[in-house]
């Protein structure tokens, strides 16, 4: 069994940070790389989609819901239409309960409110990746709404 930061081949787990806020990409990337992960960044949903289509090495996607050109929700739908089962978490500074419910129906592994303290963020990512070990992405993502909105990270109710 691999540790939390490496995959089955001993390589650092690869995380894509898709967010239009440069500060979040920068700080999340530093925190995750310090913890031993490999990161890539996208400024928009369409850039993230292009990266995923051209590189199948991602172990987890961190997807901001509100981005230019292609929203996080549109990115998730585009990945699902193409049958790409990469586990993902959603992040946002503001999102209503109906959007959260839709995210979990689409297989979101977790939701994180922004801003978030870097150490806590890294711990959340580690927990999600541990849950992914030994399971396919489809089993990791919660498409059956197993996680009710009040159980989400950030204490949304």
C-alpha atoms as a PDB file:
ATOM      1  CA  UNK A   1       0.000   0.000   0.000  1.00  0.00           C
ATOM      2  CA  UNK A   2       1.355   3.421  -0.901  1.00  0.00           C
ATOM      3  CA  UNK A   3       1.720   6.232   1.577  1.00  0.00           C
ATOM      4  CA  UNK A   4      -0.481   9.273   1.263  1.00  0.00           C
ATOM      5  CA  UNK A   5       1.771  11.216  -1.094  1.00  0.00           C
ATOM      6  CA  UNK A   6       2.904   8.546  -3.559  1.00  0.00           C
ATOM      7  CA  UNK A   7       1.030   6.362  -6.015  1.00  0.00           C
ATOM      8  CA  UNK A   8       1.507   2.633  -6.579  1.00  0.00           C
ATOM      9  CA  UNK A   9       4.684   3.280  -8.589  1.00  0.00           C
ATOM     10  CA  UNK A  10       6.337   5.340  -5.844  1.00  0.00           C
ATOM     11  CA  UNK A  11       5.779   8.609  -7.712  1.00  0.00           C
ATOM     12  CA  UNK A  12       4.276  11.645  -5.948  1.00  0.00           C
ATOM     13  CA  UNK A  13       0.508  11.783  -6.333  1.00  0.00           C
ATOM     14  CA  UNK A  14      -0.448  14.327  -8.973  1.00  0.00           C
ATOM     15  CA  UNK A  15      -3.053  16.964  -8.116  1.00  0.00           C
ATOM     16  CA  UNK A  16      -4.558  19.492 -10.514  1.00  0.00           C
ATOM     17  CA  UNK A  17      -5.572  22.812  -8.946  1.00  0.00           C
ATOM     18  CA  UNK A  18      -8.180  24.466 -11.182  1.00  0.00           C
ATOM     19  CA  UNK A  19      -8.943  27.946  -9.844  1.00  0.00           C
ATOM     20  CA  UNK A  20      -9.048  31.397 -11.412  1.00  0.00           C
ATOM     21  CA  UNK A  21      -7.599  33.024  -8.270  1.00  0.00           C
ATOM     22  CA  UNK A  22      -3.809  33.166  -8.628  1.00  0.00           C
ATOM     23  CA  UNK A  23      -3.301  33.548  -4.870  1.00  0.00           C
ATOM     24  CA  UNK A  24      -5.224  30.350  -4.124  1.00  0.00           C
ATOM     25  CA  UNK A  25      -3.384  28.373  -6.816  1.00  0.00           C
ATOM     26  CA  UNK A  26      -0.063  29.668  -5.510  1.00  0.00           C
ATOM     27  CA  UNK A  27      -0.691  29.031  -1.796  1.00  0.00           C
ATOM     28  CA  UNK A  28      -2.421  25.664  -2.326  1.00  0.00           C
ATOM     29  CA  UNK A  29       0.361  24.582  -4.680  1.00  0.00           C
ATOM     30  CA  UNK A  30       3.083  25.485  -2.186  1.00  0.00           C
ATOM     31  CA  UNK A  31       1.312  23.695   0.678  1.00  0.00           C
ATOM     32  CA  UNK A  32       0.718  20.554  -1.378  1.00  0.00           C
ATOM     33  CA  UNK A  33       4.257  20.447  -2.815  1.00  0.00           C
ATOM     34  CA  UNK A  34       5.703  20.933   0.686  1.00  0.00           C
ATOM     35  CA  UNK A  35       3.661  17.902   1.741  1.00  0.00           C
ATOM     36  CA  UNK A  36       5.235  15.881  -1.097  1.00  0.00           C
ATOM     37  CA  UNK A  37       2.570  16.038  -3.806  1.00  0.00           C
ATOM     38  CA  UNK A  38       3.135  16.925  -7.442  1.00  0.00           C
ATOM     39  CA  UNK A  39       0.865  19.740  -8.637  1.00  0.00           C
ATOM     40  CA  UNK A  40      -0.304  21.269 -11.879  1.00  0.00           C
ATOM     41  CA  UNK A  41      -2.412  24.394 -12.213  1.00  0.00           C
ATOM     42  CA  UNK A  42      -5.196  25.654 -14.454  1.00  0.00           C
ATOM     43  CA  UNK A  43      -6.716  29.156 -14.470  1.00  0.00           C
ATOM     44  CA  UNK A  44     -10.056  28.091 -15.934  1.00  0.00           C
ATOM     45  CA  UNK A  45     -12.252  25.088 -16.501  1.00  0.00           C
ATOM     46  CA  UNK A  46     -11.352  24.821 -20.176  1.00  0.00           C
ATOM     47  CA  UNK A  47      -7.632  24.922 -19.350  1.00  0.00           C
ATOM     48  CA  UNK A  48      -8.171  22.183 -16.743  1.00  0.00           C
ATOM     49  CA  UNK A  49     -10.102  20.059 -19.240  1.00  0.00           C
ATOM     50  CA  UNK A  50      -7.279  20.380 -21.763  1.00  0.00           C
ATOM     51  CA  UNK A  51      -4.716  19.337 -19.139  1.00  0.00           C
ATOM     52  CA  UNK A  52      -6.750  16.290 -18.080  1.00  0.00           C
ATOM     53  CA  UNK A  53      -7.360  15.225 -21.678  1.00  0.00           C
ATOM     54  CA  UNK A  54      -3.626  15.456 -22.441  1.00  0.00           C
ATOM     55  CA  UNK A  55      -2.321  13.918 -19.197  1.00  0.00           C
ATOM     56  CA  UNK A  56      -3.992  10.966 -17.523  1.00  0.00           C
ATOM     57  CA  UNK A  57      -1.703  11.024 -14.474  1.00  0.00           C
ATOM     58  CA  UNK A  58      -3.942  13.076 -12.156  1.00  0.00           C
ATOM     59  CA  UNK A  59      -4.848  11.399  -8.870  1.00  0.00           C
ATOM     60  CA  UNK A  60      -7.167  14.213  -7.762  1.00  0.00           C
ATOM     61  CA  UNK A  61      -8.694  17.395  -9.174  1.00  0.00           C
ATOM     62  CA  UNK A  62      -9.341  20.456  -7.007  1.00  0.00           C
ATOM     63  CA  UNK A  63     -12.027  22.400  -8.868  1.00  0.00           C
ATOM     64  CA  UNK A  64     -13.226  25.922  -8.145  1.00  0.00           C
ATOM     65  CA  UNK A  65     -16.918  26.206  -8.953  1.00  0.00           C
ATOM     66  CA  UNK A  66     -16.812  29.785 -10.288  1.00  0.00           C
ATOM     67  CA  UNK A  67     -14.249  30.233 -13.076  1.00  0.00           C
ATOM     68  CA  UNK A  68     -14.217  32.132 -16.387  1.00  0.00           C
ATOM     69  CA  UNK A  69     -14.952  30.573 -19.784  1.00  0.00           C
ATOM     70  CA  UNK A  70     -15.893  27.180 -18.292  1.00  0.00           C
ATOM     71  CA  UNK A  71     -17.201  26.889 -14.743  1.00  0.00           C
ATOM     72  CA  UNK A  72     -16.224  24.121 -12.381  1.00  0.00           C
ATOM     73  CA  UNK A  73     -19.649  22.522 -12.829  1.00  0.00           C
ATOM     74  CA  UNK A  74     -19.232  22.606 -16.626  1.00  0.00           C
ATOM     75  CA  UNK A  75     -15.772  21.032 -16.233  1.00  0.00           C
ATOM     76  CA  UNK A  76     -17.193  18.218 -14.108  1.00  0.00           C
ATOM     77  CA  UNK A  77     -19.933  17.591 -16.676  1.00  0.00           C
ATOM     78  CA  UNK A  78     -17.413  17.615 -19.544  1.00  0.00           C
ATOM     79  CA  UNK A  79     -15.215  15.053 -17.760  1.00  0.00           C
ATOM     80  CA  UNK A  80     -18.207  12.829 -17.033  1.00  0.00           C
ATOM     81  CA  UNK A  81     -19.456  13.048 -20.646  1.00  0.00           C
ATOM     82  CA  UNK A  82     -16.043  11.794 -21.744  1.00  0.00           C
ATOM     83  CA  UNK A  83     -16.029   8.986 -19.160  1.00  0.00           C
ATOM     84  CA  UNK A  84     -13.009  10.328 -17.275  1.00  0.00           C
ATOM     85  CA  UNK A  85     -13.384   9.111 -13.663  1.00  0.00           C
ATOM     86  CA  UNK A  86     -10.817  11.276 -11.836  1.00  0.00           C
ATOM     87  CA  UNK A  87     -11.733  11.951  -8.183  1.00  0.00           C
ATOM     88  CA  UNK A  88     -12.433  15.609  -7.488  1.00  0.00           C
ATOM     89  CA  UNK A  89     -13.198  18.005  -4.704  1.00  0.00           C
ATOM     90  CA  UNK A  90     -14.982  21.310  -5.180  1.00  0.00           C
ATOM     91  CA  UNK A  91     -13.892  24.607  -3.651  1.00  0.00           C
ATOM     92  CA  UNK A  92     -15.592  27.972  -3.547  1.00  0.00           C
ATOM     93  CA  UNK A  93     -15.920  31.125  -1.518  1.00  0.00           C
ATOM     94  CA  UNK A  94     -19.686  30.967  -1.907  1.00  0.00           C
ATOM     95  CA  UNK A  95     -22.069  28.292  -3.103  1.00  0.00           C
ATOM     96  CA  UNK A  96     -25.689  27.592  -2.199  1.00  0.00           C
ATOM     97  CA  UNK A  97     -27.148  24.315  -0.955  1.00  0.00           C
ATOM     98  CA  UNK A  98     -28.719  23.369  -4.300  1.00  0.00           C
ATOM     99  CA  UNK A  99     -25.310  23.623  -6.006  1.00  0.00           C
ATOM    100  CA  UNK A 100     -23.761  21.534  -3.227  1.00  0.00           C
ATOM    101  CA  UNK A 101     -26.398  18.852  -3.631  1.00  0.00           C
ATOM    102  CA  UNK A 102     -25.792  18.823  -7.390  1.00  0.00           C
ATOM    103  CA  UNK A 103     -22.027  18.513  -6.833  1.00  0.00           C
ATOM    104  CA  UNK A 104     -22.450  15.454  -4.642  1.00  0.00           C
ATOM    105  CA  UNK A 105     -24.892  13.890  -7.109  1.00  0.00           C
ATOM    106  CA  UNK A 106     -22.162  14.347  -9.743  1.00  0.00           C
ATOM    107  CA  UNK A 107     -19.642  12.488  -7.575  1.00  0.00           C
ATOM    108  CA  UNK A 108     -17.831  15.188  -5.628  1.00  0.00           C
ATOM    109  CA  UNK A 109     -15.572  13.591  -2.997  1.00  0.00           C
ATOM    110  CA  UNK A 110     -15.739  16.662  -0.726  1.00  0.00           C
ATOM    111  CA  UNK A 111     -16.393  20.401  -0.636  1.00  0.00           C
ATOM    112  CA  UNK A 112     -14.051  23.010   0.849  1.00  0.00           C
ATOM    113  CA  UNK A 113     -15.008  26.585   1.717  1.00  0.00           C
ATOM    114  CA  UNK A 114     -12.466  29.266   0.814  1.00  0.00           C
ATOM    115  CA  UNK A 115     -10.470  30.643   2.433  1.00  0.00           C
ATOM    116  CA  UNK A 116      -8.924  27.678   4.216  1.00  0.00           C
ATOM    117  CA  UNK A 117      -5.777  27.356   6.299  1.00  0.00           C
ATOM    118  CA  UNK A 118      -3.051  25.525   4.274  1.00  0.00           C
ATOM    119  CA  UNK A 119      -2.361  22.820   6.876  1.00  0.00           C
ATOM    120  CA  UNK A 120      -6.026  21.941   7.151  1.00  0.00           C
ATOM    121  CA  UNK A 121      -6.291  21.890   3.356  1.00  0.00           C
ATOM    122  CA  UNK A 122      -3.378  19.446   3.049  1.00  0.00           C
ATOM    123  CA  UNK A 123      -4.982  17.207   5.700  1.00  0.00           C
ATOM    124  CA  UNK A 124      -8.261  17.173   3.755  1.00  0.00           C
ATOM    125  CA  UNK A 125      -6.443  16.252   0.545  1.00  0.00           C
ATOM    126  CA  UNK A 126      -4.569  13.453   2.334  1.00  0.00           C
ATOM    127  CA  UNK A 127      -7.819  12.048   3.738  1.00  0.00           C
ATOM    128  CA  UNK A 128      -9.468  12.044   0.320  1.00  0.00           C
ATOM    129  CA  UNK A 129      -6.468  10.405  -1.361  1.00  0.00           C
ATOM    130  CA  UNK A 130      -6.315   7.717   1.335  1.00  0.00           C
ATOM    131  CA  UNK A 131      -9.992   7.017   0.662  1.00  0.00           C
ATOM    132  CA  UNK A 132      -9.077   6.661  -3.035  1.00  0.00           C
ATOM    133  CA  UNK A 133      -6.444   3.987  -2.408  1.00  0.00           C
ATOM    134  CA  UNK A 134      -7.588   0.563  -3.461  1.00  0.00           C
ATOM    135  CA  UNK A 135     -10.720   1.988  -5.075  1.00  0.00           C
ATOM    136  CA  UNK A 136     -11.444   3.214  -8.545  1.00  0.00           C
ATOM    137  CA  UNK A 137     -12.301   6.889  -8.909  1.00  0.00           C
ATOM    138  CA  UNK A 138     -15.918   6.008  -9.558  1.00  0.00           C
ATOM    139  CA  UNK A 139     -16.109   4.301  -6.153  1.00  0.00           C
ATOM    140  CA  UNK A 140     -14.370   7.236  -4.486  1.00  0.00           C
ATOM    141  CA  UNK A 141     -16.659   9.922  -5.834  1.00  0.00           C
ATOM    142  CA  UNK A 142     -19.959  10.088  -4.051  1.00  0.00           C
ATOM    143  CA  UNK A 143     -22.421   9.946  -6.911  1.00  0.00           C
ATOM    144  CA  UNK A 144     -25.078   8.366  -4.709  1.00  0.00           C
ATOM    145  CA  UNK A 145     -25.269  11.395  -2.384  1.00  0.00           C
ATOM    146  CA  UNK A 146     -23.839   9.397   0.536  1.00  0.00           C
ATOM    147  CA  UNK A 147     -22.496  12.614   2.009  1.00  0.00           C
ATOM    148  CA  UNK A 148     -25.212  15.012   3.097  1.00  0.00           C
ATOM    149  CA  UNK A 149     -24.372  18.733   2.822  1.00  0.00           C
ATOM    150  CA  UNK A 150     -24.073  19.137   6.609  1.00  0.00           C
ATOM    151  CA  UNK A 151     -21.196  16.621   6.682  1.00  0.00           C
ATOM    152  CA  UNK A 152     -19.080  18.648   4.295  1.00  0.00           C
ATOM    153  CA  UNK A 153     -15.813  20.277   5.174  1.00  0.00           C
ATOM    154  CA  UNK A 154     -16.422  23.840   6.272  1.00  0.00           C
ATOM    155  CA  UNK A 155     -19.538  23.047   8.294  1.00  0.00           C
ATOM    156  CA  UNK A 156     -22.149  24.064   5.709  1.00  0.00           C
ATOM    157  CA  UNK A 157     -25.660  23.270   6.818  1.00  0.00           C
END
